[in-house]
């Protein structure tokens, strides 16, 4: 697909590292720093219908997502993953106001993965504003291993 590129309110673009569903049937592309200042673009919107990548700065309605470690939308709702690297008291924020508790102790890393979430070493779903996690955990370096109750369920090398 041929993609055209445009800048809207910024000129210094950032590298794209991940793409998630966004508002109005578009996708948000993230990679840089959502709180980047000056003339830096903070995020990118991919419109697959028009074939356009639009590099942008956050408008007043979205400035609250500057603090997010990862962000995506489901329908008209914006979900923000906030990771507490000091104490691990992490949670998901919905539409700037509603918080959704992450059911894990000391959660230091995570990200949205399609319609699921990776929270620490668990794969979780976000349904009806509740996070539900599988009891299967995974690790991955040069191998991918899923385990439950300290026993390996699947072990793959790549």
C-alpha atoms as a PDB file:
ATOM      1  CA  UNK A   1       0.000   0.000   0.000  1.00  0.00           C
ATOM      2  CA  UNK A   2       1.311   3.422  -0.869  1.00  0.00           C
ATOM      3  CA  UNK A   3       1.324   5.678   2.196  1.00  0.00           C
ATOM      4  CA  UNK A   4       1.553   9.445   2.076  1.00  0.00           C
ATOM      5  CA  UNK A   5       3.008  11.370   4.968  1.00  0.00           C
ATOM      6  CA  UNK A   6       2.099  14.736   6.420  1.00  0.00           C
ATOM      7  CA  UNK A   7       2.919  16.737   9.530  1.00  0.00           C
ATOM      8  CA  UNK A   8       0.281  18.515  11.552  1.00  0.00           C
ATOM      9  CA  UNK A   9       1.641  21.054  14.042  1.00  0.00           C
ATOM     10  CA  UNK A  10       5.133  19.556  14.324  1.00  0.00           C
ATOM     11  CA  UNK A  11       8.204  18.984  12.203  1.00  0.00           C
ATOM     12  CA  UNK A  12      10.600  16.652  14.050  1.00  0.00           C
ATOM     13  CA  UNK A  13       9.220  13.135  13.640  1.00  0.00           C
ATOM     14  CA  UNK A  14      10.019  10.140  15.796  1.00  0.00           C
ATOM     15  CA  UNK A  15      10.660   6.483  15.067  1.00  0.00           C
ATOM     16  CA  UNK A  16       7.551   4.260  15.072  1.00  0.00           C
ATOM     17  CA  UNK A  17       7.888   1.238  17.380  1.00  0.00           C
ATOM     18  CA  UNK A  18       4.311   0.036  17.914  1.00  0.00           C
ATOM     19  CA  UNK A  19       0.856   0.523  16.437  1.00  0.00           C
ATOM     20  CA  UNK A  20      -2.511   0.176  18.201  1.00  0.00           C
ATOM     21  CA  UNK A  21      -6.132   0.780  17.355  1.00  0.00           C
ATOM     22  CA  UNK A  22      -7.140   4.405  17.710  1.00  0.00           C
ATOM     23  CA  UNK A  23     -10.157   6.645  17.373  1.00  0.00           C
ATOM     24  CA  UNK A  24     -12.432   6.824  14.311  1.00  0.00           C
ATOM     25  CA  UNK A  25     -11.130   3.582  12.798  1.00  0.00           C
ATOM     26  CA  UNK A  26      -7.537   4.801  12.593  1.00  0.00           C
ATOM     27  CA  UNK A  27      -4.396   3.486  14.271  1.00  0.00           C
ATOM     28  CA  UNK A  28      -2.006   5.272  16.627  1.00  0.00           C
ATOM     29  CA  UNK A  29       1.692   4.759  15.981  1.00  0.00           C
ATOM     30  CA  UNK A  30       3.974   5.333  18.959  1.00  0.00           C
ATOM     31  CA  UNK A  31       7.675   5.233  19.428  1.00  0.00           C
ATOM     32  CA  UNK A  32       8.976   8.480  20.696  1.00  0.00           C
ATOM     33  CA  UNK A  33       8.066  10.301  23.818  1.00  0.00           C
ATOM     34  CA  UNK A  34       4.434  11.400  24.200  1.00  0.00           C
ATOM     35  CA  UNK A  35       5.671  14.277  26.351  1.00  0.00           C
ATOM     36  CA  UNK A  36       8.261  15.454  23.796  1.00  0.00           C
ATOM     37  CA  UNK A  37       8.433  19.220  23.696  1.00  0.00           C
ATOM     38  CA  UNK A  38       9.130  22.044  21.277  1.00  0.00           C
ATOM     39  CA  UNK A  39       8.454  21.136  17.649  1.00  0.00           C
ATOM     40  CA  UNK A  40       8.737  17.352  18.095  1.00  0.00           C
ATOM     41  CA  UNK A  41       5.903  15.144  16.898  1.00  0.00           C
ATOM     42  CA  UNK A  42       4.500  13.137  19.793  1.00  0.00           C
ATOM     43  CA  UNK A  43       2.547  10.469  17.906  1.00  0.00           C
ATOM     44  CA  UNK A  44       1.376   9.416  14.466  1.00  0.00           C
ATOM     45  CA  UNK A  45      -2.093   8.559  13.186  1.00  0.00           C
ATOM     46  CA  UNK A  46      -2.327   5.946  10.434  1.00  0.00           C
ATOM     47  CA  UNK A  47      -5.484   6.164   8.339  1.00  0.00           C
ATOM     48  CA  UNK A  48      -5.581   3.006   6.235  1.00  0.00           C
ATOM     49  CA  UNK A  49      -8.570   4.222   4.181  1.00  0.00           C
ATOM     50  CA  UNK A  50      -6.843   7.375   2.951  1.00  0.00           C
ATOM     51  CA  UNK A  51      -3.377   5.788   3.119  1.00  0.00           C
ATOM     52  CA  UNK A  52      -1.991   8.633   5.226  1.00  0.00           C
ATOM     53  CA  UNK A  53       0.462   8.827   8.120  1.00  0.00           C
ATOM     54  CA  UNK A  54      -0.111  12.080  10.013  1.00  0.00           C
ATOM     55  CA  UNK A  55       2.580  13.129  12.482  1.00  0.00           C
ATOM     56  CA  UNK A  56       1.009  15.151  15.314  1.00  0.00           C
ATOM     57  CA  UNK A  57       1.284  16.882  18.648  1.00  0.00           C
ATOM     58  CA  UNK A  58      -1.323  16.189  21.327  1.00  0.00           C
ATOM     59  CA  UNK A  59      -4.278  18.558  21.358  1.00  0.00           C
ATOM     60  CA  UNK A  60      -5.914  19.790  24.583  1.00  0.00           C
ATOM     61  CA  UNK A  61      -8.330  16.814  24.699  1.00  0.00           C
ATOM     62  CA  UNK A  62      -5.463  14.309  24.588  1.00  0.00           C
ATOM     63  CA  UNK A  63      -2.758  16.048  26.626  1.00  0.00           C
ATOM     64  CA  UNK A  64      -3.562  13.761  29.557  1.00  0.00           C
ATOM     65  CA  UNK A  65      -2.009  10.774  27.720  1.00  0.00           C
ATOM     66  CA  UNK A  66       1.477  12.325  27.969  1.00  0.00           C
ATOM     67  CA  UNK A  67       2.061  10.261  31.128  1.00  0.00           C
ATOM     68  CA  UNK A  68       1.036   6.945  29.540  1.00  0.00           C
ATOM     69  CA  UNK A  69       3.509   4.133  28.999  1.00  0.00           C
ATOM     70  CA  UNK A  70       1.199   2.730  26.318  1.00  0.00           C
ATOM     71  CA  UNK A  71      -2.112   3.906  24.900  1.00  0.00           C
ATOM     72  CA  UNK A  72      -4.866   2.663  22.595  1.00  0.00           C
ATOM     73  CA  UNK A  73      -8.581   3.095  21.953  1.00  0.00           C
ATOM     74  CA  UNK A  74     -11.522   0.730  21.984  1.00  0.00           C
ATOM     75  CA  UNK A  75     -14.471   2.331  20.210  1.00  0.00           C
ATOM     76  CA  UNK A  76     -14.632   5.922  21.559  1.00  0.00           C
ATOM     77  CA  UNK A  77     -12.726   5.172  24.777  1.00  0.00           C
ATOM     78  CA  UNK A  78      -9.015   5.888  25.239  1.00  0.00           C
ATOM     79  CA  UNK A  79      -7.090   3.515  27.517  1.00  0.00           C
ATOM     80  CA  UNK A  80      -3.772   4.498  29.079  1.00  0.00           C
ATOM     81  CA  UNK A  81      -1.391   2.051  30.746  1.00  0.00           C
ATOM     82  CA  UNK A  82       0.431   3.697  33.647  1.00  0.00           C
ATOM     83  CA  UNK A  83       3.415   1.751  34.955  1.00  0.00           C
ATOM     84  CA  UNK A  84       4.809   2.626  38.367  1.00  0.00           C
ATOM     85  CA  UNK A  85       8.488   1.735  38.056  1.00  0.00           C
ATOM     86  CA  UNK A  86       9.207   2.609  41.682  1.00  0.00           C
ATOM     87  CA  UNK A  87       6.471   0.842  43.647  1.00  0.00           C
ATOM     88  CA  UNK A  88       4.785  -1.286  40.969  1.00  0.00           C
ATOM     89  CA  UNK A  89       1.321   0.172  41.703  1.00  0.00           C
ATOM     90  CA  UNK A  90       0.325   0.176  38.041  1.00  0.00           C
ATOM     91  CA  UNK A  91      -3.122   0.542  36.513  1.00  0.00           C
ATOM     92  CA  UNK A  92      -5.076   1.386  33.361  1.00  0.00           C
ATOM     93  CA  UNK A  93      -6.721   4.770  33.049  1.00  0.00           C
ATOM     94  CA  UNK A  94      -9.830   5.085  30.863  1.00  0.00           C
ATOM     95  CA  UNK A  95     -10.764   8.452  29.372  1.00  0.00           C
ATOM     96  CA  UNK A  96      -8.563  10.319  31.863  1.00  0.00           C
ATOM     97  CA  UNK A  97     -10.941   9.707  34.779  1.00  0.00           C
ATOM     98  CA  UNK A  98     -11.746   6.030  35.396  1.00  0.00           C
ATOM     99  CA  UNK A  99      -9.000   3.779  36.736  1.00  0.00           C
ATOM    100  CA  UNK A 100      -8.976   0.033  36.225  1.00  0.00           C
ATOM    101  CA  UNK A 101      -6.955  -1.976  38.716  1.00  0.00           C
ATOM    102  CA  UNK A 102      -4.274  -4.321  37.358  1.00  0.00           C
ATOM    103  CA  UNK A 103      -4.634  -7.572  39.364  1.00  0.00           C
ATOM    104  CA  UNK A 104      -0.946  -8.109  40.030  1.00  0.00           C
ATOM    105  CA  UNK A 105       1.486  -7.171  42.693  1.00  0.00           C
ATOM    106  CA  UNK A 106       4.451  -5.027  41.725  1.00  0.00           C
ATOM    107  CA  UNK A 107       3.692  -4.543  38.034  1.00  0.00           C
ATOM    108  CA  UNK A 108       6.661  -2.749  36.445  1.00  0.00           C
ATOM    109  CA  UNK A 109       6.170  -3.435  32.735  1.00  0.00           C
ATOM    110  CA  UNK A 110       3.364  -3.984  30.277  1.00  0.00           C
ATOM    111  CA  UNK A 111       1.850  -3.038  26.950  1.00  0.00           C
ATOM    112  CA  UNK A 112      -1.252  -3.419  24.854  1.00  0.00           C
ATOM    113  CA  UNK A 113      -1.101  -6.317  22.369  1.00  0.00           C
ATOM    114  CA  UNK A 114      -3.995  -6.187  19.926  1.00  0.00           C
ATOM    115  CA  UNK A 115      -7.116  -6.949  21.929  1.00  0.00           C
ATOM    116  CA  UNK A 116      -5.067  -8.269  24.830  1.00  0.00           C
ATOM    117  CA  UNK A 117      -2.518  -6.850  27.245  1.00  0.00           C
ATOM    118  CA  UNK A 118       0.892  -8.038  28.327  1.00  0.00           C
ATOM    119  CA  UNK A 119       1.250  -7.264  32.020  1.00  0.00           C
ATOM    120  CA  UNK A 120       4.556  -8.399  33.413  1.00  0.00           C
ATOM    121  CA  UNK A 121       4.786 -12.079  32.468  1.00  0.00           C
ATOM    122  CA  UNK A 122       1.035 -12.617  32.059  1.00  0.00           C
ATOM    123  CA  UNK A 123      -1.303 -12.308  29.113  1.00  0.00           C
ATOM    124  CA  UNK A 124      -4.487 -10.486  30.123  1.00  0.00           C
ATOM    125  CA  UNK A 125      -7.751  -9.333  28.620  1.00  0.00           C
ATOM    126  CA  UNK A 126      -9.605  -6.118  29.288  1.00  0.00           C
ATOM    127  CA  UNK A 127     -13.331  -6.825  29.306  1.00  0.00           C
ATOM    128  CA  UNK A 128     -16.111  -4.649  30.716  1.00  0.00           C
ATOM    129  CA  UNK A 129     -13.456  -2.440  32.276  1.00  0.00           C
ATOM    130  CA  UNK A 130     -11.991  -5.342  34.230  1.00  0.00           C
ATOM    131  CA  UNK A 131      -8.557  -6.829  33.650  1.00  0.00           C
ATOM    132  CA  UNK A 132      -8.540 -10.620  33.765  1.00  0.00           C
ATOM    133  CA  UNK A 133      -5.232 -12.476  33.523  1.00  0.00           C
ATOM    134  CA  UNK A 134      -4.415 -16.046  32.621  1.00  0.00           C
ATOM    135  CA  UNK A 135      -2.554 -18.128  35.172  1.00  0.00           C
ATOM    136  CA  UNK A 136      -0.127 -19.011  32.375  1.00  0.00           C
ATOM    137  CA  UNK A 137       3.041 -16.911  32.421  1.00  0.00           C
ATOM    138  CA  UNK A 138       5.552 -16.411  29.632  1.00  0.00           C
ATOM    139  CA  UNK A 139       9.149 -15.405  29.169  1.00  0.00           C
ATOM    140  CA  UNK A 140      11.049 -14.705  26.012  1.00  0.00           C
ATOM    141  CA  UNK A 141      14.658 -14.072  25.070  1.00  0.00           C
ATOM    142  CA  UNK A 142      16.121 -16.563  22.626  1.00  0.00           C
ATOM    143  CA  UNK A 143      13.293 -18.882  23.563  1.00  0.00           C
ATOM    144  CA  UNK A 144       9.609 -18.576  24.341  1.00  0.00           C
ATOM    145  CA  UNK A 145       8.357 -20.400  27.384  1.00  0.00           C
ATOM    146  CA  UNK A 146       4.885 -20.503  28.889  1.00  0.00           C
ATOM    147  CA  UNK A 147       4.601 -21.887  32.374  1.00  0.00           C
ATOM    148  CA  UNK A 148       1.994 -22.512  35.081  1.00  0.00           C
ATOM    149  CA  UNK A 149       2.636 -23.209  38.769  1.00  0.00           C
ATOM    150  CA  UNK A 150       6.403 -23.389  38.138  1.00  0.00           C
ATOM    151  CA  UNK A 151       5.933 -26.119  35.496  1.00  0.00           C
ATOM    152  CA  UNK A 152       6.623 -25.557  31.805  1.00  0.00           C
ATOM    153  CA  UNK A 153       3.524 -25.734  29.603  1.00  0.00           C
ATOM    154  CA  UNK A 154       5.195 -24.860  26.263  1.00  0.00           C
ATOM    155  CA  UNK A 155       8.859 -24.351  25.432  1.00  0.00           C
ATOM    156  CA  UNK A 156       9.862 -23.042  21.992  1.00  0.00           C
ATOM    157  CA  UNK A 157      13.290 -22.027  20.743  1.00  0.00           C
ATOM    158  CA  UNK A 158      13.765 -19.644  17.849  1.00  0.00           C
END
